[in-house]
PDB file of all heavy atoms in Angstrom:
ATOM      1  N   THR A   1      97.421 111.967 105.738  1.00  0.00           N
ATOM      2  CA  THR A   1      97.021 113.249 105.172  1.00  0.00           C
ATOM      3  C   THR A   1      97.897 113.608 103.973  1.00  0.00           C
ATOM      4  O   THR A   1      97.416 114.100 102.955  1.00  0.00           O
ATOM      5  CB  THR A   1      97.140 114.344 106.229  1.00  0.00           C
ATOM      6  OG1 THR A   1      96.424 113.953 107.401  1.00  0.00           O
ATOM      7  CG2 THR A   1      96.590 115.660 105.710  1.00  0.00           C
ATOM      8  N   PHE A   2      99.195 113.384 104.135  1.00  0.00           N
ATOM      9  CA  PHE A   2     100.153 113.681 103.082  1.00  0.00           C
ATOM     10  C   PHE A   2     101.085 112.496 102.874  1.00  0.00           C
ATOM     11  O   PHE A   2     101.452 111.798 103.824  1.00  0.00           O
ATOM     12  CB  PHE A   2     101.012 114.910 103.436  1.00  0.00           C
ATOM     13  CG  PHE A   2     100.251 116.195 103.466  1.00  0.00           C
ATOM     14  CD1 PHE A   2      99.793 116.740 104.650  1.00  0.00           C
ATOM     15  CD2 PHE A   2      99.980 116.878 102.286  1.00  0.00           C
ATOM     16  CE1 PHE A   2      99.098 117.924 104.683  1.00  0.00           C
ATOM     17  CE2 PHE A   2      99.277 118.068 102.306  1.00  0.00           C
ATOM     18  CZ  PHE A   2      98.837 118.595 103.505  1.00  0.00           C
ATOM     19  N   LEU A   3     101.473 112.317 101.640  1.00  0.00           N
ATOM     20  CA  LEU A   3     102.507 111.363 101.268  1.00  0.00           C
ATOM     21  C   LEU A   3     103.472 112.098 100.359  1.00  0.00           C
ATOM     22  O   LEU A   3     103.031 112.876  99.498  1.00  0.00           O
ATOM     23  CB  LEU A   3     101.917 110.163 100.517  1.00  0.00           C
ATOM     24  CG  LEU A   3     100.926 109.303 101.288  1.00  0.00           C
ATOM     25  CD1 LEU A   3     100.156 108.410 100.330  1.00  0.00           C
ATOM     26  CD2 LEU A   3     101.639 108.469 102.331  1.00  0.00           C
ATOM     27  N   GLY A   4     104.758 111.886 100.557  1.00  0.00           N
ATOM     28  CA  GLY A   4     105.666 112.645  99.720  1.00  0.00           C
ATOM     29  C   GLY A   4     107.076 112.105  99.689  1.00  0.00           C
ATOM     30  O   GLY A   4     107.383 111.071 100.308  1.00  0.00           O
ATOM     31  N   TRP A   5     107.866 112.823  98.929  1.00  0.00           N
ATOM     32  CA  TRP A   5     109.280 112.502  98.775  1.00  0.00           C
ATOM     33  C   TRP A   5     110.117 113.744  99.052  1.00  0.00           C
ATOM     34  O   TRP A   5     109.807 114.826  98.564  1.00  0.00           O
ATOM     35  CB  TRP A   5     109.576 112.010  97.358  1.00  0.00           C
ATOM     36  CG  TRP A   5     108.963 110.691  97.031  1.00  0.00           C
ATOM     37  CD1 TRP A   5     107.739 110.465  96.472  1.00  0.00           C
ATOM     38  CD2 TRP A   5     109.557 109.407  97.239  1.00  0.00           C
ATOM     39  NE1 TRP A   5     107.529 109.121  96.327  1.00  0.00           N
ATOM     40  CE2 TRP A   5     108.631 108.447  96.791  1.00  0.00           C
ATOM     41  CE3 TRP A   5     110.780 108.962  97.746  1.00  0.00           C
ATOM     42  CZ2 TRP A   5     108.898 107.074  96.835  1.00  0.00           C
ATOM     43  CZ3 TRP A   5     111.037 107.610  97.800  1.00  0.00           C
ATOM     44  CH2 TRP A   5     110.112 106.681  97.347  1.00  0.00           C
ATOM     45  N   TYR A   6     111.159 113.545  99.835  1.00  0.00           N
ATOM     46  CA  TYR A   6     112.168 114.559 100.083  1.00  0.00           C
ATOM     47  C   TYR A   6     113.505 114.000  99.608  1.00  0.00           C
ATOM     48  O   TYR A   6     113.630 112.799  99.370  1.00  0.00           O
ATOM     49  CB  TYR A   6     112.269 114.898 101.569  1.00  0.00           C
ATOM     50  CG  TYR A   6     111.210 115.831 102.074  1.00  0.00           C
ATOM     51  CD1 TYR A   6     109.875 115.450 102.157  1.00  0.00           C
ATOM     52  CD2 TYR A   6     111.541 117.120 102.492  1.00  0.00           C
ATOM     53  CE1 TYR A   6     108.901 116.317 102.626  1.00  0.00           C
ATOM     54  CE2 TYR A   6     110.581 117.999 102.980  1.00  0.00           C
ATOM     55  CZ  TYR A   6     109.267 117.582 103.048  1.00  0.00           C
ATOM     56  OH  TYR A   6     108.315 118.445 103.513  1.00  0.00           O
ATOM     57  N   ARG A   7     114.468 114.869  99.496  1.00  0.00           N
ATOM     58  CA  ARG A   7     115.818 114.406  99.175  1.00  0.00           C
ATOM     59  C   ARG A   7     116.848 115.244  99.917  1.00  0.00           C
ATOM     60  O   ARG A   7     116.581 116.393 100.300  1.00  0.00           O
ATOM     61  CB  ARG A   7     116.077 114.473  97.672  1.00  0.00           C
ATOM     62  CG  ARG A   7     116.138 115.875  97.092  1.00  0.00           C
ATOM     63  CD  ARG A   7     116.270 115.803  95.561  1.00  0.00           C
ATOM     64  NE  ARG A   7     116.335 117.134  94.958  1.00  0.00           N
ATOM     65  CZ  ARG A   7     116.316 117.343  93.648  1.00  0.00           C
ATOM     66  NH1 ARG A   7     116.220 116.319  92.786  1.00  0.00           N
ATOM     67  NH2 ARG A   7     116.384 118.564  93.164  1.00  0.00           N
ATOM     68  N   GLN A   8     118.002 114.635 100.109  1.00  0.00           N
ATOM     69  CA  GLN A   8     119.088 115.329 100.783  1.00  0.00           C
ATOM     70  C   GLN A   8     120.401 115.005 100.085  1.00  0.00           C
ATOM     71  O   GLN A   8     120.815 113.842 100.032  1.00  0.00           O
ATOM     72  CB  GLN A   8     119.163 114.943 102.262  1.00  0.00           C
ATOM     73  CG  GLN A   8     120.157 115.767 103.051  1.00  0.00           C
ATOM     74  CD  GLN A   8     119.998 115.592 104.548  1.00  0.00           C
ATOM     75  OE1 GLN A   8     119.412 114.616 105.020  1.00  0.00           O
ATOM     76  NE2 GLN A   8     120.510 116.542 105.313  1.00  0.00           N
ATOM     77  N   ALA A   9     120.995 116.042  99.542  1.00  0.00           N
ATOM     78  CA  ALA A   9     122.298 115.897  98.895  1.00  0.00           C
ATOM     79  C   ALA A   9     123.396 116.127  99.935  1.00  0.00           C
ATOM     80  O   ALA A   9     123.152 116.793 100.954  1.00  0.00           O
ATOM     81  CB  ALA A   9     122.423 116.897  97.752  1.00  0.00           C
ATOM     82  N   PRO A  10     124.590 115.633  99.691  1.00  0.00           N
ATOM     83  CA  PRO A  10     125.690 115.822 100.651  1.00  0.00           C
ATOM     84  C   PRO A  10     125.933 117.294 100.953  1.00  0.00           C
ATOM     85  O   PRO A  10     126.040 118.122 100.038  1.00  0.00           O
ATOM     86  CB  PRO A  10     126.887 115.204  99.934  1.00  0.00           C
ATOM     87  CG  PRO A  10     126.301 114.194  99.016  1.00  0.00           C
ATOM     88  CD  PRO A  10     125.002 114.785  98.563  1.00  0.00           C
ATOM     89  N   GLY A  11     125.983 117.635 102.222  1.00  0.00           N
ATOM     90  CA  GLY A  11     126.250 119.003 102.633  1.00  0.00           C
ATOM     91  C   GLY A  11     125.083 119.952 102.503  1.00  0.00           C
ATOM     92  O   GLY A  11     125.229 121.162 102.724  1.00  0.00           O
ATOM     93  N   LYS A  12     123.918 119.427 102.143  1.00  0.00           N
ATOM     94  CA  LYS A  12     122.745 120.285 101.967  1.00  0.00           C
ATOM     95  C   LYS A  12     121.617 119.833 102.882  1.00  0.00           C
ATOM     96  O   LYS A  12     121.605 118.717 103.386  1.00  0.00           O
ATOM     97  CB  LYS A  12     122.283 120.258 100.511  1.00  0.00           C
ATOM     98  CG  LYS A  12     123.277 120.869  99.531  1.00  0.00           C
ATOM     99  CD  LYS A  12     122.677 120.971  98.142  1.00  0.00           C
ATOM    100  CE  LYS A  12     123.629 121.655  97.184  1.00  0.00           C
ATOM    101  NZ  LYS A  12     123.040 121.779  95.814  1.00  0.00           N
ATOM    102  N   GLN A  13     120.664 120.738 103.067  1.00  0.00           N
ATOM    103  CA  GLN A  13     119.509 120.406 103.881  1.00  0.00           C
ATOM    104  C   GLN A  13     118.540 119.524 103.092  1.00  0.00           C
ATOM    105  O   GLN A  13     118.514 119.546 101.858  1.00  0.00           O
ATOM    106  CB  GLN A  13     118.799 121.689 104.320  1.00  0.00           C
ATOM    107  CG  GLN A  13     119.559 122.489 105.363  1.00  0.00           C
ATOM    108  CD  GLN A  13     118.736 123.636 105.922  1.00  0.00           C
ATOM    109  OE1 GLN A  13     117.883 124.181 105.234  1.00  0.00           O
ATOM    110  NE2 GLN A  13     118.976 123.999 107.168  1.00  0.00           N
ATOM    111  N   ARG A  14     117.743 118.777 103.835  1.00  0.00           N
ATOM    112  CA  ARG A  14     116.719 117.971 103.201  1.00  0.00           C
ATOM    113  C   ARG A  14     115.683 118.904 102.580  1.00  0.00           C
ATOM    114  O   ARG A  14     115.265 119.887 103.200  1.00  0.00           O
ATOM    115  CB  ARG A  14     116.066 117.052 104.225  1.00  0.00           C
ATOM    116  CG  ARG A  14     115.168 115.995 103.636  1.00  0.00           C
ATOM    117  CD  ARG A  14     114.709 115.009 104.707  1.00  0.00           C
ATOM    118  NE  ARG A  14     115.815 114.255 105.284  1.00  0.00           N
ATOM    119  CZ  ARG A  14     115.644 113.220 106.104  1.00  0.00           C
ATOM    120  NH1 ARG A  14     114.425 112.815 106.416  1.00  0.00           N
ATOM    121  NH2 ARG A  14     116.694 112.585 106.600  1.00  0.00           N
ATOM    122  N   GLU A  15     115.261 118.596 101.355  1.00  0.00           N
ATOM    123  CA  GLU A  15     114.317 119.459 100.662  1.00  0.00           C
ATOM    124  C   GLU A  15     113.160 118.652 100.099  1.00  0.00           C
ATOM    125  O   GLU A  15     113.306 117.479  99.748  1.00  0.00           O
ATOM    126  CB  GLU A  15     115.012 120.209  99.525  1.00  0.00           C
ATOM    127  CG  GLU A  15     115.581 119.323  98.430  1.00  0.00           C
ATOM    128  CD  GLU A  15     116.148 120.112  97.255  1.00  0.00           C
ATOM    129  OE1 GLU A  15     116.140 121.350  97.282  1.00  0.00           O
ATOM    130  OE2 GLU A  15     116.600 119.448  96.292  1.00  0.00           O
ATOM    131  N   LEU A  16     112.028 119.329  99.985  1.00  0.00           N
ATOM    132  CA  LEU A  16     110.845 118.707  99.421  1.00  0.00           C
ATOM    133  C   LEU A  16     111.035 118.484  97.923  1.00  0.00           C
ATOM    134  O   LEU A  16     111.493 119.376  97.212  1.00  0.00           O
ATOM    135  CB  LEU A  16     109.627 119.590  99.650  1.00  0.00           C
ATOM    136  CG  LEU A  16     108.335 119.148  98.972  1.00  0.00           C
ATOM    137  CD1 LEU A  16     107.819 117.865  99.597  1.00  0.00           C
ATOM    138  CD2 LEU A  16     107.284 120.246  99.037  1.00  0.00           C
ATOM    139  N   VAL A  17     110.659 117.311  97.458  1.00  0.00           N
ATOM    140  CA  VAL A  17     110.683 117.010  96.034  1.00  0.00           C
ATOM    141  C   VAL A  17     109.257 117.025  95.474  1.00  0.00           C
ATOM    142  O   VAL A  17     108.961 117.714  94.512  1.00  0.00           O
ATOM    143  CB  VAL A  17     111.339 115.639  95.767  1.00  0.00           C
ATOM    144  CG1 VAL A  17     111.269 115.298  94.278  1.00  0.00           C
ATOM    145  CG2 VAL A  17     112.782 115.633  96.258  1.00  0.00           C
ATOM    146  N   ALA A  18     108.395 116.237  96.097  1.00  0.00           N
ATOM    147  CA  ALA A  18     107.021 116.138  95.618  1.00  0.00           C
ATOM    148  C   ALA A  18     106.147 115.655  96.755  1.00  0.00           C
ATOM    149  O   ALA A  18     106.600 114.896  97.619  1.00  0.00           O
ATOM    150  CB  ALA A  18     106.927 115.179  94.440  1.00  0.00           C
ATOM    151  N   ILE A  19     104.894 116.079  96.725  1.00  0.00           N
ATOM    152  CA  ILE A  19     103.980 115.693  97.777  1.00  0.00           C
ATOM    153  C   ILE A  19     102.581 115.560  97.210  1.00  0.00           C
ATOM    154  O   ILE A  19     102.225 116.254  96.250  1.00  0.00           O
ATOM    155  CB  ILE A  19     104.036 116.708  98.936  1.00  0.00           C
ATOM    156  CG1 ILE A  19     103.431 116.115 100.202  1.00  0.00           C
ATOM    157  CG2 ILE A  19     103.372 118.021  98.554  1.00  0.00           C
ATOM    158  CD1 ILE A  19     103.793 116.892 101.439  1.00  0.00           C
ATOM    159  N   THR A  20     101.799 114.659  97.781  1.00  0.00           N
ATOM    160  CA  THR A  20     100.406 114.507  97.388  1.00  0.00           C
ATOM    161  C   THR A  20      99.570 114.379  98.646  1.00  0.00           C
ATOM    162  O   THR A  20     100.025 113.823  99.650  1.00  0.00           O
ATOM    163  CB  THR A  20     100.234 113.278  96.475  1.00  0.00           C
ATOM    164  OG1 THR A  20      98.856 113.170  96.084  1.00  0.00           O
ATOM    165  CG2 THR A  20     100.653 111.984  97.164  1.00  0.00           C
ATOM    166  N   ASN A  21      98.352 114.923  98.593  1.00  0.00           N
ATOM    167  CA  ASN A  21      97.508 114.844  99.775  1.00  0.00           C
ATOM    168  C   ASN A  21      96.398 113.823  99.574  1.00  0.00           C
ATOM    169  O   ASN A  21      96.286 113.182  98.519  1.00  0.00           O
ATOM    170  CB  ASN A  21      96.957 116.220 100.139  1.00  0.00           C
ATOM    171  CG  ASN A  21      96.012 116.780  99.079  1.00  0.00           C
ATOM    172  OD1 ASN A  21      95.540 116.063  98.200  1.00  0.00           O
ATOM    173  ND2 ASN A  21      95.743 118.078  99.167  1.00  0.00           N
ATOM    174  N   SER A  22      95.564 113.702 100.581  1.00  0.00           N
ATOM    175  CA  SER A  22      94.513 112.683 100.539  1.00  0.00           C
ATOM    176  C   SER A  22      93.488 112.958  99.455  1.00  0.00           C
ATOM    177  O   SER A  22      92.773 112.046  99.035  1.00  0.00           O
ATOM    178  CB  SER A  22      93.835 112.584 101.905  1.00  0.00           C
ATOM    179  OG  SER A  22      93.346 113.850 102.312  1.00  0.00           O
ATOM    180  N   GLY A  23      93.421 114.212  99.006  1.00  0.00           N
ATOM    181  CA  GLY A  23      92.488 114.564  97.938  1.00  0.00           C
ATOM    182  C   GLY A  23      93.050 114.342  96.548  1.00  0.00           C
ATOM    183  O   GLY A  23      92.339 114.524  95.557  1.00  0.00           O
ATOM    184  N   GLY A  24      94.319 113.960  96.493  1.00  0.00           N
ATOM    185  CA  GLY A  24      94.934 113.695  95.199  1.00  0.00           C
ATOM    186  C   GLY A  24      95.693 114.863  94.605  1.00  0.00           C
ATOM    187  O   GLY A  24      96.291 114.736  93.531  1.00  0.00           O
ATOM    188  N   SER A  25      95.691 116.001  95.286  1.00  0.00           N
ATOM    189  CA  SER A  25      96.460 117.144  94.781  1.00  0.00           C
ATOM    190  C   SER A  25      97.947 116.871  94.930  1.00  0.00           C
ATOM    191  O   SER A  25      98.373 116.150  95.827  1.00  0.00           O
ATOM    192  CB  SER A  25      96.091 118.407  95.560  1.00  0.00           C
ATOM    193  OG  SER A  25      94.738 118.727  95.375  1.00  0.00           O
ATOM    194  N   THR A  26      98.718 117.469  94.047  1.00  0.00           N
ATOM    195  CA  THR A  26     100.165 117.274  94.082  1.00  0.00           C
ATOM    196  C   THR A  26     100.885 118.613  94.054  1.00  0.00           C
ATOM    197  O   THR A  26     100.350 119.620  93.579  1.00  0.00           O
ATOM    198  CB  THR A  26     100.643 116.433  92.891  1.00  0.00           C
ATOM    199  OG1 THR A  26     100.259 117.078  91.674  1.00  0.00           O
ATOM    200  CG2 THR A  26     100.042 115.042  92.923  1.00  0.00           C
ATOM    201  N   ASN A  27     102.098 118.594  94.561  1.00  0.00           N
ATOM    202  CA  ASN A  27     102.921 119.787  94.539  1.00  0.00           C
ATOM    203  C   ASN A  27     104.365 119.348  94.342  1.00  0.00           C
ATOM    204  O   ASN A  27     104.780 118.314  94.883  1.00  0.00           O
ATOM    205  CB  ASN A  27     102.781 120.572  95.846  1.00  0.00           C
ATOM    206  CG  ASN A  27     103.356 121.961  95.732  1.00  0.00           C
ATOM    207  OD1 ASN A  27     103.379 122.554  94.651  1.00  0.00           O
ATOM    208  ND2 ASN A  27     103.819 122.506  96.848  1.00  0.00           N
TER     209      ASN A  27
END
């Protein structure tokens, strides 16, 4: 349904970077 990338810097929470859904939309 979704494919995406998250990132986590030292001492910080994991955060969303970019995501795309099955319809091709991106955020």
